[in-house]
Amino acid sequence: MNIEEFFELSAGKWFSHRTSHHLAFKQSEDGKSDIVIEMLAADHPEVIKLCEQYEVNPKEASCGARVTWNGTMEWDEEKHTGSTVLVTVPDADNSSEGKLLREMGYAEKAPVAGRYKMGSDDALTLTTEYETMWSEERLWFASPNLRMRVSILKRFGGFSMASFTSEIRMGVSPAAAKAAEVSNSAN
């Protein structure tokens, strides 16, 4: 699977359940979110705008996505809502790796560029360095409608958080819908 196929398979509405382990406090918390992932073509205006923000030639982008979330965490009563745009820029010599441009970061709420790598096992690994911390996230599909994520966050010389997330697609996967459409048009 390549990065574009991974993004395509990720498109849709997901229910996300995350357990985060705060290692310094020796505590864990649960969180739940609804997540919507929309594919954006490489020539979409938001993709071009983000590339220009990072001074990257928009023609080097392979795909993009808009991710919107609405959720809660166990420790606080406030809603966690937001959205961000992601853009992949493959390395010229190896398209299974490259830059991941983000309108807003995962660990810090500011624009940040990280790295992506598609593994031979079809898992996507994202690595991001922030000013005061570093994060690594690994995502893979257990099935077309079940996506898994593990992440670690390291700050000030030690690991501070580890999390596991399972995401269940709400409705039919785009791939299944496309297959049904082809089957129905053949009949």
Foldseek 3Di string as FASTA:
>chain_A
DAPVVVLQLVAAKKWKKKWKQFPVVRDIKIKIKIKGKDKAALPHPVNCVLCVVVVHHSVQWGIKIKMWMWMDMPVDDDIDTDIKMWIFGADPVDRQKGKIWICQDDVGGHTFIWMWGQDPVRKIWTWTDDPFKIKIKIKDAPDSFKIKMWMWIDGDHGTGMIMIMIMGGDDDGPVVVVVVVVVVVVD
